[in-house]
Amino acid sequence: MHRRTALKVPLVLAGGAALTATPRAFAAGAGRWPVERAQGWYRAHRGLVGANFVPFNAVNQLEMFQPQTYDIRRIDAELRMARQIGFNAMRVFLHDLLWTQDRRGFLRRLMQFVTIAARHAIKPLFVFFDSCWDPRPKLGPQGAPVPGVHNSRWVQSPGAERLGDPKYVGVLKEYVTGVLGQFRNDDRVLGWDLWNEPDNPATVYHEVERSDKEDLVAALLPQVFQWAREVDPTQPLTSGVWQGAWADPGKRSTIAGIQLDNSDVITFHSYAKPAEFEGRIAELAPLQRPIVCTEYLARTLGSSVEGILPIAQRLDVGAFNWGLVAGKTQTYLPWDSWDRPDPAPRTWFSDLLGPDGRPYRDDEIRAIRRLTPLVRAK
């Protein structure tokens, strides 16, 4: 059960000092876009359809961007596949350790990635931090996928050890402001997703997960928004809600409140059936801001391309399914493969294409092309 918005938590500042405050109040008045500006941005980007992108030969975000395993040819090929489907955007995960490893090289690779994506008329939505899966990220060679297990090597950012280190907060700020500063005026970049599922408890790693993670993240997330505001990018900031009640501010969790009170554009995750997906949009509509679903597609749970995209189009909501090409993340396997490994499921859970670009289901690709404005306009 998640704590409510009245929770008081220590805020650790970049210099190591601490104070106690209501987390949402910390970022109040920090320069959130007015509704009119957010709506104007969305009018220029209406019809967002894309996927969460990790190339098939990367097991996680570190392997995707580390210099030894960064494969721009494969990335180029897969982004070409995405464009051929009709996608116009990709959600892409970064990591703080990539910054500490080699910031100049990391920024060069990001610039190359953005250039290649633009060549295919695709805009990336970059994700800075992530509370999902393994809390022990390490640089260097990443482990091979665990046979039959969904997303078995994905890692958190910043991870358990660094999340609780007040001396590391300054590094996190440099990472956020450094990347944002590189692209703050670059219209090839769609936007900035500051933290993926910040209150995800990563239960499969309960033995090594921090018991105080939620409190630490609730303290840090407003600071991340504040750091990003200091750079003043021309692209919007967001962090997607994914669980709990959203319609009533008094019933939101502490972290969901921070996310919804600070995001320029509202983003959310839903792996539910179409009726519940539409209900989640209804919860967020009173905020009067553009809405984008940045994660969906769980076929065995009733979240399908054909079921979700028509609703998103009708309600003028952007939509990113999980996964483009099935590969080392193994997200075509179900979540419960952590308990019951299943190397060859009868039905893929997520992902759209095989490594050679062949669709898992032709009907899904036809539905995307039929519903994608860029394709219909040709």
Protein backbone atom coordinates (compact mmCIF):
# COMPACT_ATOMS: atom_id res chain seq x y z
CA MET A 1 0.00 0.00 0.00
CA HIS A 2 1.42 3.36 -1.02
CA ARG A 3 1.66 6.35 1.26
CA ARG A 4 -0.59 9.35 0.63
CA THR A 5 0.31 12.93 -0.18
CA ALA A 6 0.49 14.03 3.46
CA LEU A 7 3.67 12.01 3.93
CA LYS A 8 6.68 14.01 5.13
CA VAL A 9 10.04 12.84 3.83
CA PRO A 10 13.61 14.14 4.11
CA LEU A 11 14.79 16.07 1.07
CA VAL A 12 18.50 15.62 0.50
CA LEU A 13 19.90 18.58 -1.37
CA ALA A 14 22.88 18.55 -3.71
CA GLY A 15 25.16 19.87 -0.98
CA GLY A 16 24.17 17.10 1.40
CA ALA A 17 21.86 19.18 3.62
CA ALA A 18 18.46 17.80 4.51
CA LEU A 19 15.11 19.35 5.32
CA THR A 20 11.58 18.06 5.76
CA ALA A 21 8.74 19.18 3.54
CA THR A 22 5.72 17.95 1.68
CA PRO A 23 7.25 16.59 -1.57
CA ARG A 24 4.75 18.17 -3.98
CA ALA A 25 5.21 21.59 -2.40
CA PHE A 26 8.97 21.43 -3.04
CA ALA A 27 8.55 21.89 -6.79
CA ALA A 28 5.62 24.33 -6.66
CA GLY A 29 6.06 27.35 -8.90
CA ALA A 30 9.18 25.88 -10.52
CA GLY A 31 8.09 26.77 -14.06
CA ARG A 32 5.64 24.11 -15.15
CA TRP A 33 4.23 24.85 -18.58
CA PRO A 34 0.83 26.53 -18.62
CA VAL A 35 -1.93 24.35 -20.03
CA GLU A 36 -2.08 26.51 -23.15
CA ARG A 37 1.60 25.91 -23.94
CA ALA A 38 1.24 22.17 -23.41
CA GLN A 39 -1.78 22.05 -25.69
CA GLY A 40 0.07 24.07 -28.31
CA TRP A 41 2.94 21.59 -28.22
CA TYR A 42 0.49 18.71 -28.64
CA ARG A 43 -1.19 20.32 -31.62
CA ALA A 44 2.20 20.23 -33.31
CA HIS A 45 2.73 16.56 -32.36
CA ARG A 46 -0.78 15.14 -32.60
CA GLY A 47 -1.05 11.47 -33.55
CA LEU A 48 1.92 10.13 -31.56
CA VAL A 49 2.26 6.40 -32.16
CA GLY A 50 5.39 4.48 -31.24
CA ALA A 51 7.07 1.87 -29.09
CA ASN A 52 9.50 1.50 -26.22
CA PHE A 53 12.75 0.90 -28.04
CA VAL A 54 15.62 -1.42 -27.16
CA PRO A 55 17.40 -3.07 -30.13
CA PHE A 56 17.15 -6.85 -30.24
CA ASN A 57 20.86 -7.29 -29.40
CA ALA A 58 20.76 -5.25 -26.15
CA VAL A 59 19.71 -6.85 -22.89
CA ASN A 60 19.18 -3.51 -21.14
CA GLN A 61 19.77 0.23 -21.45
CA LEU A 62 23.44 -0.08 -20.48
CA GLU A 63 24.20 -2.60 -23.21
CA MET A 64 22.30 -0.42 -25.68
CA PHE A 65 24.52 2.65 -25.16
CA GLN A 66 27.87 1.47 -23.73
CA PRO A 67 30.64 2.03 -26.31
CA GLN A 68 31.62 -1.66 -26.50
CA THR A 69 28.09 -2.79 -27.42
CA TYR A 70 26.54 0.30 -29.00
CA ASP A 71 25.41 -0.87 -32.44
CA ILE A 72 24.30 2.08 -34.54
CA ARG A 73 23.85 -0.08 -37.65
CA ARG A 74 21.37 -2.29 -35.88
CA ILE A 75 19.64 0.74 -34.34
CA ASP A 76 19.40 2.31 -37.79
CA ALA A 77 17.90 -0.87 -39.22
CA GLU A 78 15.30 -1.17 -36.48
CA LEU A 79 14.30 2.48 -36.64
CA ARG A 80 13.81 1.97 -40.37
CA MET A 81 11.49 -0.93 -39.51
CA ALA A 82 9.61 1.32 -37.10
CA ARG A 83 9.11 3.96 -39.74
CA GLN A 84 7.89 1.38 -42.24
CA ILE A 85 5.24 0.34 -39.72
CA GLY A 86 4.15 3.96 -39.45
CA PHE A 87 5.63 4.91 -36.08
CA ASN A 88 6.69 8.51 -35.51
CA ALA A 89 8.19 8.29 -32.00
CA MET A 90 10.22 5.98 -29.75
CA ARG A 91 10.58 5.94 -25.97
CA VAL A 92 14.25 5.35 -25.12
CA PHE A 93 15.82 4.61 -21.72
CA LEU A 94 19.10 6.19 -20.59
CA HIS A 95 21.13 5.55 -17.41
CA ASP A 96 23.17 7.67 -15.00
CA LEU A 97 26.11 5.23 -15.17
CA LEU A 98 26.46 5.94 -18.90
CA TRP A 99 27.09 9.56 -17.92
CA THR A 100 29.65 8.70 -15.22
CA GLN A 101 31.41 6.24 -17.52
CA ASP A 102 32.14 8.68 -20.35
CA ARG A 103 29.95 11.75 -20.58
CA ARG A 104 31.46 13.10 -23.78
CA GLY A 105 31.24 9.77 -25.55
CA PHE A 106 27.73 9.21 -24.23
CA LEU A 107 26.57 12.59 -25.55
CA ARG A 108 28.17 11.84 -28.93
CA ARG A 109 26.30 8.55 -29.13
CA LEU A 110 23.05 10.24 -28.13
CA MET A 111 23.55 12.89 -30.81
CA GLN A 112 24.17 10.15 -33.35
CA PHE A 113 21.06 8.32 -32.19
CA VAL A 114 18.93 11.47 -32.51
CA THR A 115 20.35 12.12 -35.99
CA ILE A 116 19.57 8.59 -37.17
CA ALA A 117 16.07 8.73 -35.67
CA ALA A 118 15.40 12.05 -37.40
CA ARG A 119 16.48 10.51 -40.69
CA HIS A 120 13.57 8.11 -40.23
CA ALA A 121 11.19 10.90 -39.09
CA ILE A 122 11.09 9.48 -35.55
CA LYS A 123 11.33 11.60 -32.41
CA PRO A 124 12.71 10.04 -29.19
CA LEU A 125 11.16 10.51 -25.77
CA PHE A 126 14.15 9.98 -23.46
CA VAL A 127 13.83 8.44 -19.98
CA PHE A 128 16.40 9.48 -17.35
CA PHE A 129 15.67 7.26 -14.33
CA ASP A 130 13.90 3.96 -13.71
CA SER A 131 12.79 2.13 -10.56
CA CYS A 132 12.03 -1.20 -12.28
CA TRP A 133 13.84 -4.54 -12.02
CA ASP A 134 17.41 -5.06 -10.77
CA PRO A 135 18.57 -2.45 -8.20
CA ARG A 136 22.25 -3.37 -8.70
CA PRO A 137 23.34 -1.82 -12.03
CA LYS A 138 26.98 -2.21 -13.01
CA LEU A 139 28.97 -0.97 -15.97
CA GLY A 140 30.82 -3.34 -18.24
CA PRO A 141 29.65 -6.58 -19.83
CA GLN A 142 26.04 -7.33 -18.99
CA GLY A 143 24.79 -10.80 -18.15
CA ALA A 144 23.21 -12.99 -20.78
CA PRO A 145 19.41 -13.20 -20.67
CA VAL A 146 18.10 -15.75 -18.19
CA PRO A 147 16.48 -18.43 -20.36
CA GLY A 148 12.71 -18.18 -20.44
CA VAL A 149 12.47 -15.06 -18.22
CA HIS A 150 10.93 -11.68 -19.10
CA ASN A 151 13.34 -8.70 -18.99
CA SER A 152 15.78 -10.63 -16.84
CA ARG A 153 18.69 -8.14 -17.02
CA TRP A 154 16.98 -4.75 -16.90
CA VAL A 155 18.52 -2.45 -14.29
CA GLN A 156 17.32 0.43 -12.16
CA SER A 157 18.72 3.94 -12.39
CA PRO A 158 20.24 5.17 -10.15
CA GLY A 159 20.11 1.84 -8.29
CA ALA A 160 19.96 1.00 -4.59
CA GLU A 161 23.53 1.92 -3.63
CA ARG A 162 23.57 5.35 -5.25
CA LEU A 163 19.97 6.25 -4.53
CA GLY A 164 20.77 6.57 -0.85
CA ASP A 165 24.11 8.38 -1.28
CA PRO A 166 23.76 12.17 -0.71
CA LYS A 167 27.18 12.73 -2.32
CA TYR A 168 25.90 11.24 -5.56
CA VAL A 169 22.99 13.67 -5.89
CA GLY A 170 25.29 16.22 -7.51
CA VAL A 171 26.30 13.65 -10.13
CA LEU A 172 22.64 12.94 -10.88
CA LYS A 173 22.02 16.65 -11.36
CA GLU A 174 24.99 16.94 -13.71
CA TYR A 175 23.64 13.98 -15.69
CA VAL A 176 20.17 15.49 -16.07
CA THR A 177 21.30 19.02 -16.84
CA GLY A 178 24.13 17.85 -19.08
CA VAL A 179 21.93 15.73 -21.33
CA LEU A 180 19.13 18.30 -21.33
CA GLY A 181 21.58 21.08 -22.09
CA GLN A 182 22.81 19.23 -25.17
CA PHE A 183 19.31 18.95 -26.65
CA ARG A 184 17.25 21.69 -25.00
CA ASN A 185 16.55 23.45 -28.31
CA ASP A 186 16.60 20.40 -30.56
CA ASP A 187 13.21 19.91 -32.19
CA ARG A 188 14.23 16.38 -33.22
CA VAL A 189 13.67 15.33 -29.58
CA LEU A 190 10.07 14.78 -28.51
CA GLY A 191 10.40 15.23 -24.76
CA TRP A 192 11.84 14.09 -21.42
CA ASP A 193 10.40 11.34 -19.23
CA LEU A 194 12.21 12.05 -15.98
CA TRP A 195 11.48 8.84 -14.05
CA ASN A 196 9.90 5.57 -15.12
CA GLU A 197 7.50 4.09 -12.54
CA PRO A 198 9.31 5.77 -9.63
CA ASP A 199 7.30 3.88 -6.98
CA ASN A 200 7.63 0.44 -8.56
CA PRO A 201 8.70 -1.87 -5.70
CA ALA A 202 10.58 -4.35 -7.97
CA THR A 203 9.20 -7.20 -5.91
CA VAL A 204 11.12 -9.93 -7.74
CA TYR A 205 14.27 -8.37 -6.25
CA HIS A 206 12.82 -7.99 -2.75
CA GLU A 207 15.90 -9.51 -1.11
CA VAL A 208 18.18 -6.72 -2.38
CA GLU A 209 15.67 -3.90 -2.90
CA ARG A 210 15.89 -0.96 -0.48
CA SER A 211 13.07 -0.89 2.06
CA ASP A 212 13.22 2.93 2.02
CA LYS A 213 13.26 3.29 -1.77
CA GLU A 214 9.85 4.91 -2.04
CA ASP A 215 10.71 7.59 0.51
CA LEU A 216 14.06 8.32 -1.13
CA VAL A 217 12.48 8.58 -4.57
CA ALA A 218 9.71 10.82 -3.25
CA ALA A 219 12.42 13.15 -1.98
CA LEU A 220 14.51 13.06 -5.15
CA LEU A 221 11.83 13.26 -7.86
CA PRO A 222 10.85 16.90 -7.18
CA GLN A 223 14.51 17.82 -7.36
CA VAL A 224 14.83 16.12 -10.73
CA PHE A 225 11.93 18.22 -12.02
CA GLN A 226 13.59 21.31 -10.58
CA TRP A 227 16.95 20.52 -12.23
CA ALA A 228 15.23 20.05 -15.57
CA ARG A 229 13.34 23.34 -15.15
CA GLU A 230 16.64 25.14 -14.61
CA VAL A 231 17.71 24.09 -18.11
CA ASP A 232 14.38 25.28 -19.53
CA PRO A 233 14.12 22.87 -22.48
CA THR A 234 11.79 23.61 -25.38
CA GLN A 235 10.47 20.05 -25.05
CA PRO A 236 8.00 19.03 -22.31
CA LEU A 237 8.81 17.24 -19.06
CA THR A 238 6.79 14.30 -17.77
CA SER A 239 6.78 11.23 -15.53
CA GLY A 240 4.13 8.60 -16.10
CA VAL A 241 1.69 7.36 -13.46
CA TRP A 242 1.02 3.64 -13.54
CA GLN A 243 -0.96 2.48 -10.49
CA GLY A 244 -3.47 3.64 -7.90
CA ALA A 245 -6.30 6.18 -8.18
CA TRP A 246 -5.69 9.38 -10.15
CA ALA A 247 -8.99 11.25 -10.46
CA ASP A 248 -9.19 12.51 -6.87
CA PRO A 249 -6.05 14.40 -5.78
CA GLY A 250 -6.73 13.37 -2.19
CA LYS A 251 -6.52 9.68 -3.12
CA ARG A 252 -3.34 9.81 -5.16
CA SER A 253 -0.16 8.33 -3.76
CA THR A 254 2.58 10.76 -2.81
CA ILE A 255 4.61 9.97 -5.89
CA ALA A 256 1.65 10.03 -8.28
CA GLY A 257 0.84 13.46 -6.92
CA ILE A 258 4.37 14.67 -7.62
CA GLN A 259 4.19 13.29 -11.14
CA LEU A 260 0.81 14.77 -12.04
CA ASP A 261 1.48 18.13 -10.36
CA ASN A 262 4.77 18.67 -12.20
CA SER A 263 4.36 17.13 -15.65
CA ASP A 264 3.84 19.45 -18.61
CA VAL A 265 2.26 16.61 -20.56
CA ILE A 266 0.47 13.80 -18.71
CA THR A 267 1.74 10.28 -19.34
CA PHE A 268 0.52 6.97 -17.97
CA HIS A 269 0.95 3.21 -18.30
CA SER A 270 -1.83 0.69 -18.76
CA TYR A 271 -1.58 -2.98 -19.65
CA ALA A 272 -5.30 -3.43 -19.08
CA LYS A 273 -8.15 -4.38 -21.37
CA PRO A 274 -9.67 -1.65 -23.58
CA ALA A 275 -12.52 -0.67 -21.24
CA GLU A 276 -10.17 -0.13 -18.29
CA PHE A 277 -7.68 1.65 -20.55
CA GLU A 278 -10.39 4.10 -21.55
CA GLY A 279 -11.34 4.53 -17.89
CA ARG A 280 -7.78 5.48 -16.99
CA ILE A 281 -7.84 8.21 -19.63
CA ALA A 282 -11.10 9.48 -18.14
CA GLU A 283 -9.38 9.82 -14.76
CA LEU A 284 -6.71 12.07 -16.28
CA ALA A 285 -8.85 14.10 -18.69
CA PRO A 286 -9.92 16.70 -16.05
CA LEU A 287 -6.29 17.87 -15.87
CA GLN A 288 -6.88 19.39 -19.33
CA ARG A 289 -3.38 18.57 -20.49
CA PRO A 290 -2.28 16.40 -23.41
CA ILE A 291 -2.27 12.70 -22.51
CA VAL A 292 0.07 10.01 -23.81
CA CYS A 293 0.12 6.34 -22.84
CA THR A 294 3.82 5.49 -22.78
CA GLU A 295 3.38 1.76 -22.09
CA TYR A 296 0.75 -0.74 -23.22
CA LEU A 297 0.57 -4.17 -24.92
CA ALA A 298 0.14 -7.34 -22.88
CA ARG A 299 -1.69 -9.66 -25.25
CA THR A 300 -2.46 -12.39 -22.73
CA LEU A 301 -3.96 -9.79 -20.36
CA GLY A 302 -6.25 -8.34 -23.03
CA SER A 303 -4.11 -5.30 -23.95
CA SER A 304 -3.74 -5.52 -27.73
CA VAL A 305 -2.82 -3.23 -30.59
CA GLU A 306 -6.23 -3.63 -32.19
CA GLY A 307 -8.02 -2.98 -28.90
CA ILE A 308 -6.02 0.00 -27.63
CA LEU A 309 -5.02 2.09 -30.65
CA PRO A 310 -8.57 2.85 -31.85
CA ILE A 311 -9.44 4.18 -28.37
CA ALA A 312 -6.28 6.28 -28.27
CA GLN A 313 -7.06 7.73 -31.67
CA ARG A 314 -10.69 8.47 -30.81
CA LEU A 315 -9.73 10.21 -27.57
CA ASP A 316 -6.73 12.01 -29.10
CA VAL A 317 -4.22 10.22 -26.86
CA GLY A 318 -0.72 9.22 -27.93
CA ALA A 319 0.27 5.57 -27.51
CA PHE A 320 3.57 3.69 -27.18
CA ASN A 321 3.40 -0.09 -26.99
CA TRP A 322 6.10 -2.03 -25.16
CA GLY A 323 8.72 -3.36 -27.50
CA LEU A 324 9.51 -3.18 -31.19
CA VAL A 325 11.76 -6.16 -32.04
CA ALA A 326 11.77 -9.27 -29.88
CA GLY A 327 15.28 -9.84 -28.63
CA LYS A 328 17.50 -10.12 -25.57
CA THR A 329 15.08 -8.34 -23.25
CA GLN A 330 12.69 -11.26 -23.87
CA THR A 331 9.66 -9.11 -23.26
CA TYR A 332 7.69 -11.33 -25.60
CA LEU A 333 7.62 -13.62 -22.54
CA PRO A 334 5.01 -12.97 -19.81
CA TRP A 335 5.70 -11.25 -16.50
CA ASP A 336 4.99 -14.46 -14.59
CA SER A 337 7.87 -16.19 -16.39
CA TRP A 338 9.89 -14.99 -13.40
CA ASP A 339 8.02 -17.67 -11.43
CA ARG A 340 7.52 -20.13 -14.30
CA PRO A 341 10.16 -19.69 -17.02
CA ASP A 342 8.62 -20.14 -20.45
CA PRO A 343 11.06 -19.94 -23.38
CA ALA A 344 8.41 -20.58 -26.03
CA PRO A 345 5.05 -19.07 -25.08
CA ARG A 346 2.08 -19.86 -27.29
CA THR A 347 1.24 -16.14 -27.41
CA TRP A 348 3.76 -13.32 -27.28
CA PHE A 349 3.24 -10.98 -24.34
CA SER A 350 4.73 -7.82 -25.90
CA ASP A 351 6.89 -6.83 -28.93
CA LEU A 352 5.79 -6.56 -32.55
CA LEU A 353 8.51 -7.88 -34.86
CA GLY A 354 11.00 -10.70 -35.12
CA PRO A 355 14.72 -9.88 -35.49
CA ASP A 356 14.38 -10.03 -39.29
CA GLY A 357 11.56 -7.48 -39.24
CA ARG A 358 8.76 -9.93 -39.89
CA PRO A 359 5.61 -9.07 -37.92
CA TYR A 360 4.50 -11.38 -35.15
CA ARG A 361 0.96 -10.70 -36.34
CA ASP A 362 0.26 -9.10 -39.70
CA ASP A 363 -3.11 -7.83 -38.47
CA GLU A 364 -1.38 -5.69 -35.82
CA ILE A 365 0.83 -3.98 -38.37
CA ARG A 366 -2.14 -3.37 -40.65
CA ALA A 367 -4.00 -1.82 -37.69
CA ILE A 368 -1.07 0.48 -36.89
CA ARG A 369 -0.77 1.60 -40.50
CA ARG A 370 -4.51 2.13 -40.76
CA LEU A 371 -4.62 4.26 -37.63
CA THR A 372 -1.36 6.18 -37.99
CA PRO A 373 -1.91 9.70 -39.34
CA LEU A 374 1.49 9.84 -41.04
CA VAL A 375 0.70 6.75 -43.06
CA ARG A 376 -2.85 7.80 -43.92
CA ALA A 377 -1.55 11.16 -45.18
CA LYS A 378 0.72 9.58 -47.82
